[in-house]
Amino acid sequence: MITTSCNSQQAEKELDYDQTKKMVVDILQTEDGKKAIQDLILSSEMKEHLIIASDVVKQSINEALLSERGEKMWKSLFEDPSFAKQFTETMSDSQKDLLKQLMTDPEYQQHMMDILQNPELMNQILQLLKSQQFRSHIQTIISETINSPLFQSEMAEILLKMKDGESSGEKSSDSSEDSSGSSNK
C-alpha cells in the first residue's frame, strides 16, 4: 500500500508538470504571451544583462574571425567587388578620421619623419625608381594617359589657347611695330 501511494504521488507530480508545461507553452503562444516576451526582451534590465553577457559575443566573434573557416569566409567576401566596395565605403570615414587624428599627433609625425629620413628607406626608394619594372610601369601609365580621350581633349584646348595667345601676341607686336615704324618715318 505504501509503495502504491508513493507511485501514485510521483505519477501525479509528473502529470502536474506535463500539464503545467503544456499550459505555459500555450500561454506563450498567445498574443499576450508574445507581448510579454517582447516587453521582457526590450526591458532595460534585460538589455543590461545582454551587454554583460557580451563576453560570449566577443568570444564568438573572435572565433569567427580568427578561425580558418572565418578567414576563408572573409577572403571569399572580399573577392566579391560589390561587398569590397560597400565595406570600403563604410570604413572610409572612420579611417579618414583616424588618419587626420594621427597627422596632428606630434608623436606620430615624429615617427613618420624618422621613417622617411631613414637612409635605408631612401636607398630602397631610389632603387625602386631606377628599376626597369618601375620605368616600364611609368611608361604604361603615360601611354594610357596620352591615349585617354579626356587627356587629348584637354591638350587640344590648351593648344588652342596657346595658338590664340600667340595670334593675339603677334597682332599686338605688329601694331606696336606699325606705330613705332610710322613715327620714325
Protein backbone atom coordinates (compact mmCIF):
# COMPACT_ATOMS: atom_id res chain seq x y z
CA MET A 1 0.00 0.00 0.00
CA ILE A 2 2.79 2.41 0.86
CA THR A 3 4.57 1.72 -2.45
CA THR A 4 1.36 2.19 -4.37
CA SER A 5 0.66 5.51 -2.70
CA CYS A 6 4.24 6.71 -3.39
CA ASN A 7 3.96 5.68 -7.03
CA SER A 8 0.64 7.43 -7.38
CA GLN A 9 2.06 10.65 -5.87
CA GLN A 10 5.01 10.51 -8.29
CA ALA A 11 2.69 9.91 -11.24
CA GLU A 12 0.52 12.78 -10.04
CA LYS A 13 3.60 15.08 -9.92
CA GLU A 14 4.56 14.08 -13.47
CA LEU A 15 1.03 14.81 -14.67
CA ASP A 16 1.10 18.19 -12.93
CA TYR A 17 4.46 19.00 -14.57
CA ASP A 18 3.27 17.94 -18.03
CA GLN A 19 0.04 19.87 -17.62
CA THR A 20 1.90 22.95 -16.36
CA LYS A 21 4.41 22.74 -19.19
CA LYS A 22 1.64 22.47 -21.76
CA MET A 23 -0.21 25.39 -20.19
CA VAL A 24 2.93 27.62 -20.21
CA VAL A 25 3.66 26.78 -23.85
CA ASP A 26 0.05 27.58 -24.75
CA ILE A 27 0.25 30.89 -22.88
CA LEU A 28 3.50 31.87 -24.60
CA GLN A 29 1.96 31.25 -28.00
CA THR A 30 -0.90 33.68 -27.39
CA GLU A 31 -0.67 37.35 -28.33
CA ASP A 32 -0.40 38.30 -24.65
CA GLY A 33 2.41 35.80 -24.16
CA LYS A 34 4.32 37.10 -27.17
CA LYS A 35 3.88 40.68 -25.97
CA ALA A 36 5.13 39.73 -22.50
CA ILE A 37 8.28 38.18 -24.02
CA GLN A 38 8.87 41.25 -26.20
CA ASP A 39 8.48 43.54 -23.19
CA LEU A 40 10.92 41.38 -21.28
CA ILE A 41 13.50 41.49 -24.06
CA LEU A 42 13.12 45.24 -24.50
CA SER A 43 13.39 45.99 -20.77
CA SER A 44 16.49 47.87 -19.67
CA GLU A 45 17.38 45.16 -17.15
CA MET A 46 17.42 42.50 -19.85
CA LYS A 47 19.44 44.73 -22.20
CA GLU A 48 21.94 45.31 -19.41
CA HIS A 49 22.17 41.58 -18.83
CA LEU A 50 22.74 41.02 -22.54
CA ILE A 51 25.51 43.61 -22.52
CA ILE A 52 27.06 41.91 -19.53
CA ALA A 53 26.94 38.65 -21.44
CA SER A 54 28.82 40.31 -24.28
CA ASP A 55 31.92 38.28 -23.35
CA VAL A 56 30.19 35.38 -25.05
CA VAL A 57 29.61 37.60 -28.08
CA LYS A 58 33.25 38.72 -28.09
CA GLN A 59 34.45 35.14 -27.88
CA SER A 60 32.14 34.12 -30.71
CA ILE A 61 33.34 36.98 -32.90
CA ASN A 62 36.98 36.18 -32.19
CA GLU A 63 36.42 32.55 -33.07
CA ALA A 64 34.59 33.52 -36.25
CA LEU A 65 37.27 35.97 -37.35
CA LEU A 66 40.38 34.10 -36.29
CA SER A 67 39.46 30.58 -37.26
CA GLU A 68 40.43 29.08 -40.60
CA ARG A 69 36.78 28.90 -41.57
CA GLY A 70 36.35 32.59 -40.73
CA GLU A 71 39.45 33.50 -42.69
CA LYS A 72 38.15 31.65 -45.74
CA MET A 73 34.77 33.35 -45.36
CA TRP A 74 36.36 36.83 -45.27
CA LYS A 75 38.56 36.04 -48.27
CA SER A 76 35.54 34.93 -50.28
CA LEU A 77 33.58 38.01 -49.19
CA PHE A 78 36.35 40.38 -50.27
CA GLU A 79 36.63 38.66 -53.64
CA ASP A 80 33.12 39.97 -54.35
CA PRO A 81 33.68 43.51 -55.74
CA SER A 82 30.32 44.84 -54.55
CA PHE A 83 30.97 43.72 -50.96
CA ALA A 84 34.52 45.10 -51.02
CA LYS A 85 33.25 48.44 -52.33
CA GLN A 86 30.50 48.64 -49.72
CA PHE A 87 32.89 47.66 -46.92
CA THR A 88 35.41 50.26 -48.06
CA GLU A 89 32.79 52.99 -48.24
CA THR A 90 31.54 52.07 -44.79
CA MET A 91 35.01 52.17 -43.28
CA SER A 92 36.40 55.16 -45.21
CA ASP A 93 35.01 57.86 -42.93
CA SER A 94 36.40 56.28 -39.77
CA GLN A 95 39.73 55.65 -41.50
CA LYS A 96 39.90 59.28 -42.64
CA ASP A 97 39.14 60.48 -39.12
CA LEU A 98 41.80 58.20 -37.68
CA LEU A 99 44.38 59.37 -40.21
CA LYS A 100 43.52 63.04 -39.54
CA GLN A 101 43.97 62.47 -35.82
CA LEU A 102 47.29 60.74 -36.41
CA MET A 103 48.51 63.52 -38.71
CA THR A 104 48.07 66.06 -35.91
CA ASP A 105 49.67 63.82 -33.28
CA PRO A 106 53.26 65.02 -32.68
CA GLU A 107 54.50 61.54 -31.77
CA TYR A 108 53.08 60.07 -34.99
CA GLN A 109 54.58 62.92 -37.01
CA GLN A 110 57.98 62.28 -35.48
CA HIS A 111 57.75 58.56 -36.27
CA MET A 112 56.84 59.34 -39.88
CA MET A 113 59.76 61.75 -40.20
CA ASP A 114 62.11 59.16 -38.73
CA ILE A 115 60.88 56.57 -41.19
CA LEU A 116 61.12 58.88 -44.19
CA GLN A 117 64.60 60.10 -43.24
CA ASN A 118 65.92 56.60 -42.77
CA PRO A 119 68.82 56.17 -45.25
CA GLU A 120 67.88 52.54 -45.90
CA LEU A 121 64.38 53.60 -46.94
CA MET A 122 65.77 56.30 -49.20
CA ASN A 123 68.08 53.76 -50.87
CA GLN A 124 65.20 51.37 -51.39
CA ILE A 125 63.05 54.12 -52.89
CA LEU A 126 65.87 55.16 -55.24
CA GLN A 127 66.44 51.56 -56.31
CA LEU A 128 62.73 51.21 -56.97
CA LEU A 129 62.62 54.41 -59.02
CA LYS A 130 65.62 53.28 -61.08
CA SER A 131 64.31 49.78 -61.68
CA GLN A 132 63.25 48.64 -65.13
CA GLN A 133 59.93 47.41 -63.76
CA PHE A 134 59.07 50.86 -62.38
CA ARG A 135 60.13 52.59 -65.59
CA SER A 136 58.02 50.18 -67.59
CA HIS A 137 55.06 50.89 -65.30
CA ILE A 138 55.52 54.65 -65.69
CA GLN A 139 55.74 54.25 -69.46
CA THR A 140 52.47 52.30 -69.45
CA ILE A 141 50.78 54.96 -67.34
CA ILE A 142 51.99 57.73 -69.65
CA SER A 143 50.81 55.83 -72.74
CA GLU A 144 47.39 55.24 -71.20
CA THR A 145 47.16 58.89 -70.20
CA ILE A 146 48.14 60.16 -73.65
CA ASN A 147 45.66 57.83 -75.33
CA SER A 148 42.87 58.88 -72.99
CA PRO A 149 40.16 60.89 -74.81
CA LEU A 150 39.82 63.18 -71.80
CA PHE A 151 43.53 64.00 -71.83
CA GLN A 152 43.52 64.50 -75.59
CA SER A 153 40.61 66.96 -75.39
CA GLU A 154 42.31 68.87 -72.57
CA MET A 155 45.55 69.07 -74.56
CA ALA A 156 43.63 70.26 -77.64
CA GLU A 157 42.06 73.05 -75.55
CA ILE A 158 45.46 74.07 -74.18
CA LEU A 159 46.99 74.12 -77.67
CA LEU A 160 44.10 76.21 -78.98
CA LYS A 161 44.53 78.68 -76.12
CA MET A 162 48.26 78.85 -76.80
CA LYS A 163 47.60 79.40 -80.51
CA ASP A 164 45.07 82.13 -79.72
CA GLY A 165 47.59 83.66 -77.30
CA GLU A 166 50.31 83.69 -79.98
CA SER A 167 47.93 85.15 -82.52
CA SER A 168 46.91 87.95 -80.21
CA GLY A 169 50.57 88.42 -79.19
CA GLU A 170 51.63 88.74 -82.85
CA LYS A 171 48.83 91.22 -83.52
CA SER A 172 49.80 93.37 -80.57
CA SER A 173 53.50 93.29 -81.52
CA ASP A 174 52.62 94.05 -85.19
CA SER A 175 50.50 97.01 -84.17
CA SER A 176 53.25 98.32 -81.86
CA GLU A 177 55.80 97.97 -84.69
CA ASP A 178 53.46 99.77 -87.07
CA SER A 179 53.01 102.64 -84.71
CA SER A 180 56.72 102.90 -83.92
CA GLY A 181 57.68 102.46 -87.57
CA SER A 182 55.32 105.17 -88.76
CA SER A 183 56.65 107.63 -86.22
CA ASN A 184 60.23 107.02 -87.43
CA LYS A 185 59.34 107.98 -90.97
